[in-house]
């Protein structure tokens, strides 16, 4: 039997498959379909200091091989999350990463400090795709300086493993990764969604209530794999790869490009069983190929110089 267990950045998981933040809430609904303990881990719904109602509807638009969403980080706020959803998910046998979002670095620090005090949390996933209030609404992850400022604020208040979720809507994602690594990030996750738009030709207006949204699904997978490959060349910290994963082969591509684990998102909207099927497909591939340990394939497609420099 192939060993599917992974350990990276101080995070231990029975297999490398997580569910991506924003796609499965805190796991309650998914647990009605299959025991979520089968997962390696879960990135829970993005949490903010105060409750958020999210953006105006419509919030979802289907596209060929993908979906655009503009949910707008709807969540009950930190206090309610700490009271109910988080204690519930922490009862299960899987690695729980709490995704946090804020308007400025101090917001992230306050969230990180509060979650740091909760026993059982495996780590934080810091979403730097959020608008920077002090920079006129530009995403924190759009520039190395603002990404580093968020990471620095979080690192100052927590010893939990910190995974920074990178935005693909940048010129050089490797530079952003290096900036957060320099400020103490333990790992990075990528990619978040791609800024997109749909026009309702009958109304002659944008379809989504927020005008623009984030594209996810199979359409983005080749771009996401390319970005994981680039980041693996840029930093020495571990990577969680995501973006359009809907099969075991998709997940293997990310790991061969340099990811230590993967996250499944949009696929669960089509097939809620996708994450466990992906785990089974990865295990079957390893058995067929004689791979005794899933970790052996991490960075397998990278040049030897990159694999051997400590980046993987």
Protein backbone atom coordinates (compact mmCIF):
# COMPACT_ATOMS: atom_id res chain seq x y z
CA UNK A 1 0.00 0.00 0.00
CA UNK A 2 1.25 3.47 -0.90
CA UNK A 3 1.89 5.89 1.95
CA UNK A 4 -0.34 8.90 1.24
CA UNK A 5 0.50 10.81 4.45
CA UNK A 6 2.16 14.19 4.04
CA UNK A 7 3.85 16.59 6.43
CA UNK A 8 4.85 20.12 5.50
CA UNK A 9 5.35 23.39 7.36
CA UNK A 10 4.44 21.66 10.62
CA UNK A 11 1.11 20.44 9.21
CA UNK A 12 0.41 16.70 9.23
CA UNK A 13 -2.28 15.13 7.05
CA UNK A 14 -3.24 11.51 6.32
CA UNK A 15 -3.25 12.31 2.59
CA UNK A 16 -2.44 15.36 0.44
CA UNK A 17 -6.04 16.29 -0.48
CA UNK A 18 -7.64 19.30 1.20
CA UNK A 19 -10.83 21.16 0.29
CA UNK A 20 -10.35 24.77 -0.77
CA UNK A 21 -11.66 27.64 1.33
CA UNK A 22 -15.05 28.96 0.36
CA UNK A 23 -16.18 25.77 -1.36
CA UNK A 24 -17.38 23.65 1.55
CA UNK A 25 -18.13 26.01 4.43
CA UNK A 26 -16.96 24.40 7.67
CA UNK A 27 -17.57 20.88 6.39
CA UNK A 28 -21.01 20.20 7.89
CA UNK A 29 -22.82 19.83 4.57
CA UNK A 30 -20.02 17.80 3.00
CA UNK A 31 -20.05 15.47 6.02
CA UNK A 32 -23.63 14.53 5.17
CA UNK A 33 -22.35 13.06 1.89
CA UNK A 34 -19.16 11.36 3.06
CA UNK A 35 -17.18 11.25 6.32
CA UNK A 36 -14.92 14.28 6.06
CA UNK A 37 -12.34 12.42 8.16
CA UNK A 38 -11.35 10.79 4.85
CA UNK A 39 -9.81 14.09 3.76
CA UNK A 40 -6.27 15.09 4.47
CA UNK A 41 -7.51 18.49 5.53
CA UNK A 42 -9.90 21.36 5.02
CA UNK A 43 -9.45 25.08 4.51
CA UNK A 44 -12.59 26.45 6.14
CA UNK A 45 -14.70 29.34 4.90
CA UNK A 46 -12.92 32.68 4.95
CA UNK A 47 -13.38 34.39 8.32
CA UNK A 48 -13.40 38.15 8.95
CA UNK A 49 -13.54 40.12 12.19
CA UNK A 50 -17.14 41.23 11.65
CA UNK A 51 -20.02 39.39 9.96
CA UNK A 52 -20.29 39.93 6.21
CA UNK A 53 -23.43 39.58 4.13
CA UNK A 54 -21.43 39.29 0.93
CA UNK A 55 -22.06 40.87 -2.46
CA UNK A 56 -25.29 41.54 -4.27
CA UNK A 57 -26.81 38.72 -6.31
CA UNK A 58 -26.39 37.09 -8.77
CA UNK A 59 -23.17 35.69 -7.31
CA UNK A 60 -22.54 32.73 -9.61
CA UNK A 61 -22.14 32.48 -13.38
CA UNK A 62 -21.29 29.30 -15.25
CA UNK A 63 -18.71 29.42 -18.02
CA UNK A 64 -17.28 26.76 -20.34
CA UNK A 65 -15.21 24.48 -18.07
CA UNK A 66 -15.55 26.78 -15.11
CA UNK A 67 -17.57 29.02 -12.84
CA UNK A 68 -17.28 32.66 -11.81
CA UNK A 69 -18.25 33.67 -8.30
CA UNK A 70 -18.51 36.96 -6.44
CA UNK A 71 -19.80 35.69 -3.09
CA UNK A 72 -17.87 38.40 -1.28
CA UNK A 73 -16.60 36.52 1.78
CA UNK A 74 -20.03 36.05 3.35
CA UNK A 75 -19.43 34.67 6.84
CA UNK A 76 -20.80 35.02 10.39
CA UNK A 77 -17.70 36.80 11.71
CA UNK A 78 -14.95 35.72 14.09
CA UNK A 79 -17.04 35.53 17.28
CA UNK A 80 -19.68 33.22 15.79
CA UNK A 81 -17.05 31.07 14.07
CA UNK A 82 -15.26 30.52 17.37
CA UNK A 83 -18.55 29.63 19.08
CA UNK A 84 -19.86 26.96 16.72
CA UNK A 85 -18.46 25.98 13.31
CA UNK A 86 -14.81 25.83 14.32
CA UNK A 87 -15.30 23.64 17.43
CA UNK A 88 -17.45 21.31 15.30
CA UNK A 89 -14.84 20.78 12.59
CA UNK A 90 -12.03 20.40 15.13
CA UNK A 91 -13.72 17.27 16.48
CA UNK A 92 -12.82 15.49 13.25
CA UNK A 93 -9.63 13.70 12.32
CA UNK A 94 -8.21 15.99 9.66
CA UNK A 95 -5.94 19.02 9.41
CA UNK A 96 -7.96 22.23 9.80
CA UNK A 97 -6.60 25.43 8.27
CA UNK A 98 -8.54 28.57 9.17
CA UNK A 99 -8.72 31.03 6.29
CA UNK A 100 -8.62 34.68 7.41
CA UNK A 101 -9.28 37.92 5.54
CA UNK A 102 -9.05 41.58 6.46
CA UNK A 103 -9.02 45.14 5.25
CA UNK A 104 -5.60 46.01 6.61
CA UNK A 105 -2.70 44.19 8.33
CA UNK A 106 -4.03 44.95 11.83
CA UNK A 107 -7.24 43.04 10.99
CA UNK A 108 -5.26 39.98 10.04
CA UNK A 109 -3.21 40.23 13.21
CA UNK A 110 -6.32 40.38 15.39
CA UNK A 111 -7.81 37.35 13.66
CA UNK A 112 -4.56 35.39 13.89
CA UNK A 113 -4.17 36.18 17.60
CA UNK A 114 -7.68 34.92 18.35
CA UNK A 115 -7.33 31.70 16.36
CA UNK A 116 -3.87 31.05 17.79
CA UNK A 117 -5.58 30.53 21.15
CA UNK A 118 -7.82 27.72 19.82
CA UNK A 119 -6.40 24.23 20.51
CA UNK A 120 -6.34 21.85 17.57
CA UNK A 121 -6.06 24.28 14.68
CA UNK A 122 -3.41 22.99 12.26
CA UNK A 123 -2.62 26.38 10.79
CA UNK A 124 -3.78 29.62 9.22
CA UNK A 125 -4.43 30.31 5.56
CA UNK A 126 -4.01 34.04 5.00
CA UNK A 127 -6.04 35.33 2.07
CA UNK A 128 -4.16 38.31 0.62
CA UNK A 129 -6.53 38.68 -2.30
CA UNK A 130 -8.70 40.95 -0.15
CA UNK A 131 -8.92 44.70 -0.86
CA UNK A 132 -6.41 46.82 1.05
CA UNK A 133 -8.55 49.56 2.59
CA UNK A 134 -5.66 51.98 3.03
CA UNK A 135 -4.50 51.46 -0.56
CA UNK A 136 -7.80 52.37 -2.16
CA UNK A 137 -9.16 48.85 -2.51
CA UNK A 138 -6.20 47.23 -4.25
CA UNK A 139 -5.64 43.60 -3.21
CA UNK A 140 -2.95 43.02 -0.58
CA UNK A 141 -1.51 40.32 -2.80
CA UNK A 142 -1.05 42.59 -5.79
CA UNK A 143 2.35 43.89 -4.66
CA UNK A 144 5.23 42.36 -2.70
CA UNK A 145 5.26 45.23 -0.20
CA UNK A 146 1.62 44.94 0.85
CA UNK A 147 1.74 41.12 0.87
CA UNK A 148 4.81 41.29 3.12
CA UNK A 149 3.11 43.77 5.46
CA UNK A 150 0.21 41.37 6.06
CA UNK A 151 2.54 38.44 6.65
CA UNK A 152 4.69 40.45 9.04
CA UNK A 153 1.63 41.44 11.10
CA UNK A 154 0.41 37.84 11.32
CA UNK A 155 3.82 36.38 12.13
CA UNK A 156 4.20 38.77 15.07
CA UNK A 157 1.19 37.31 16.90
CA UNK A 158 1.16 33.57 16.18
CA UNK A 159 3.37 30.51 16.22
CA UNK A 160 0.85 28.52 14.16
CA UNK A 161 1.96 27.44 10.69
CA UNK A 162 1.02 30.26 8.33
CA UNK A 163 0.08 29.51 4.72
CA UNK A 164 -0.33 32.58 2.52
CA UNK A 165 -2.89 32.22 -0.28
CA UNK A 166 -1.56 33.94 -3.38
CA UNK A 167 -3.54 35.79 -6.02
CA UNK A 168 -2.89 34.89 -9.67
CA UNK A 169 -3.87 38.41 -10.76
CA UNK A 170 -0.28 39.66 -10.66
CA UNK A 171 2.61 40.13 -13.06
CA UNK A 172 5.10 37.91 -11.20
CA UNK A 173 3.65 35.52 -8.62
CA UNK A 174 7.14 34.33 -7.71
CA UNK A 175 8.02 37.78 -6.40
CA UNK A 176 4.95 37.80 -4.15
CA UNK A 177 5.87 34.35 -2.85
CA UNK A 178 9.41 35.48 -2.06
CA UNK A 179 8.10 38.56 -0.24
CA UNK A 180 5.93 36.55 2.16
CA UNK A 181 8.63 33.91 2.61
CA UNK A 182 11.01 36.66 3.73
CA UNK A 183 8.52 37.72 6.43
CA UNK A 184 8.14 34.24 7.88
CA UNK A 185 5.47 32.46 5.84
CA UNK A 186 5.67 28.71 6.44
CA UNK A 187 4.02 27.83 3.12
CA UNK A 188 2.02 29.32 0.25
CA UNK A 189 -1.20 28.13 -1.38
CA UNK A 190 -1.99 28.93 -4.99
CA UNK A 191 -3.86 29.89 -6.92
CA UNK A 192 -6.87 31.91 -5.90
CA UNK A 193 -9.42 32.73 -8.62
CA UNK A 194 -8.79 34.75 -11.77
CA UNK A 195 -10.58 38.09 -12.11
CA UNK A 196 -13.28 37.63 -14.74
CA UNK A 197 -16.54 39.00 -16.09
CA UNK A 198 -19.68 37.90 -17.93
CA UNK A 199 -22.10 40.12 -19.87
CA UNK A 200 -25.83 39.31 -20.03
CA UNK A 201 -26.40 40.12 -23.70
CA UNK A 202 -30.18 40.31 -23.33
CA UNK A 203 -29.96 42.89 -20.52
CA UNK A 204 -26.81 44.42 -22.00
CA UNK A 205 -25.35 44.57 -18.52
CA UNK A 206 -22.84 42.61 -16.43
CA UNK A 207 -24.46 39.43 -15.16
CA UNK A 208 -22.89 39.37 -11.68
CA UNK A 209 -24.10 41.61 -8.89
CA UNK A 210 -20.53 42.68 -8.21
CA UNK A 211 -19.85 43.13 -11.96
CA UNK A 212 -16.61 41.10 -11.73
CA UNK A 213 -15.86 37.83 -10.01
CA UNK A 214 -13.30 35.05 -9.70
CA UNK A 215 -12.99 32.28 -12.28
CA UNK A 216 -12.30 28.75 -11.02
CA UNK A 217 -12.72 25.25 -12.41
CA UNK A 218 -10.94 23.11 -15.03
CA UNK A 219 -10.41 26.09 -17.34
CA UNK A 220 -7.75 27.55 -15.04
CA UNK A 221 -5.85 24.35 -14.25
CA UNK A 222 -3.03 24.65 -16.84
CA UNK A 223 -2.35 28.23 -15.74
CA UNK A 224 -2.41 27.25 -12.07
CA UNK A 225 0.02 24.38 -12.69
CA UNK A 226 2.33 26.82 -14.45
CA UNK A 227 2.20 29.19 -11.49
CA UNK A 228 2.97 26.42 -9.00
CA UNK A 229 5.95 25.49 -11.18
CA UNK A 230 7.13 29.11 -11.14
CA UNK A 231 6.75 29.49 -7.38
CA UNK A 232 8.61 26.21 -6.80
CA UNK A 233 11.53 27.85 -8.61
CA UNK A 234 11.25 30.98 -6.44
CA UNK A 235 10.92 29.85 -2.81
CA UNK A 236 12.07 27.10 -0.46
CA UNK A 237 8.85 26.88 1.57
CA UNK A 238 6.17 24.24 0.84
CA UNK A 239 3.30 24.78 -1.61
CA UNK A 240 -0.37 23.77 -1.58
CA UNK A 241 -1.52 23.70 -5.20
CA UNK A 242 -5.06 24.38 -6.36
CA UNK A 243 -7.01 25.50 -9.38
CA UNK A 244 -9.30 23.29 -11.45
CA UNK A 245 -8.44 19.96 -9.84
CA UNK A 246 -11.15 17.42 -10.63
CA UNK A 247 -9.27 14.13 -10.93
CA UNK A 248 -6.35 12.26 -9.41
CA UNK A 249 -4.28 12.99 -12.50
CA UNK A 250 -4.95 16.72 -12.10
CA UNK A 251 -3.73 16.55 -8.50
CA UNK A 252 -0.62 14.62 -9.52
CA UNK A 253 0.27 17.33 -12.02
CA UNK A 254 0.33 19.92 -9.24
CA UNK A 255 2.48 17.74 -7.01
CA UNK A 256 4.92 17.00 -9.82
CA UNK A 257 5.11 20.75 -10.45
CA UNK A 258 6.26 21.23 -6.86
CA UNK A 259 3.17 21.18 -4.61
CA UNK A 260 3.37 19.25 -1.33
CA UNK A 261 -0.43 18.99 -1.12
CA UNK A 262 -3.46 20.05 -3.15
CA UNK A 263 -6.87 21.62 -2.56
CA UNK A 264 -10.08 20.78 -4.40
CA UNK A 265 -12.66 23.51 -4.87
CA UNK A 266 -15.05 23.98 -7.78
CA UNK A 267 -15.17 20.25 -8.51
CA UNK A 268 -17.23 19.70 -5.36
CA UNK A 269 -19.97 21.89 -6.85
CA UNK A 270 -20.34 19.38 -9.68
CA UNK A 271 -19.55 16.24 -7.71
CA UNK A 272 -19.48 16.49 -3.89
CA UNK A 273 -17.62 13.16 -3.80
CA UNK A 274 -14.79 14.54 -5.93
CA UNK A 275 -12.25 14.93 -3.08
CA UNK A 276 -12.48 11.30 -1.94
CA UNK A 277 -12.49 10.05 -5.52
CA UNK A 278 -9.33 12.06 -6.17
CA UNK A 279 -7.68 10.46 -3.13
CA UNK A 280 -8.59 7.00 -4.44
CA UNK A 281 -7.36 7.83 -7.95
CA UNK A 282 -4.04 9.13 -6.64
CA UNK A 283 -3.57 5.97 -4.58
CA UNK A 284 -4.43 3.77 -7.59
CA UNK A 285 -1.92 5.62 -9.78
CA UNK A 286 0.81 5.20 -7.18
CA UNK A 287 0.08 1.47 -6.92
CA UNK A 288 0.20 1.10 -10.70
CA UNK A 289 3.45 3.05 -10.98
CA UNK A 290 5.12 1.40 -8.02
CA UNK A 291 5.33 4.59 -5.98
CA UNK A 292 5.67 3.58 -2.33
CA UNK A 293 5.33 7.10 -0.90
CA UNK A 294 3.30 9.95 -2.44
CA UNK A 295 5.96 12.41 -1.31
CA UNK A 296 8.36 10.87 -3.84
CA UNK A 297 6.54 12.62 -6.70
CA UNK A 298 6.73 16.15 -5.26
CA UNK A 299 8.68 18.22 -7.78
CA UNK A 300 9.25 15.22 -10.04
CA UNK A 301 8.75 17.34 -13.16
CA UNK A 302 11.08 20.12 -12.00
CA UNK A 303 14.67 20.39 -13.23
CA UNK A 304 17.08 18.49 -10.99
CA UNK A 305 18.78 21.72 -9.89
CA UNK A 306 15.53 23.03 -8.45
CA UNK A 307 14.58 19.72 -6.79
CA UNK A 308 17.98 19.40 -5.15
CA UNK A 309 18.42 22.97 -3.87
CA UNK A 310 16.16 22.59 -0.85
CA UNK A 311 13.17 24.18 -2.58
CA UNK A 312 11.21 20.91 -2.44
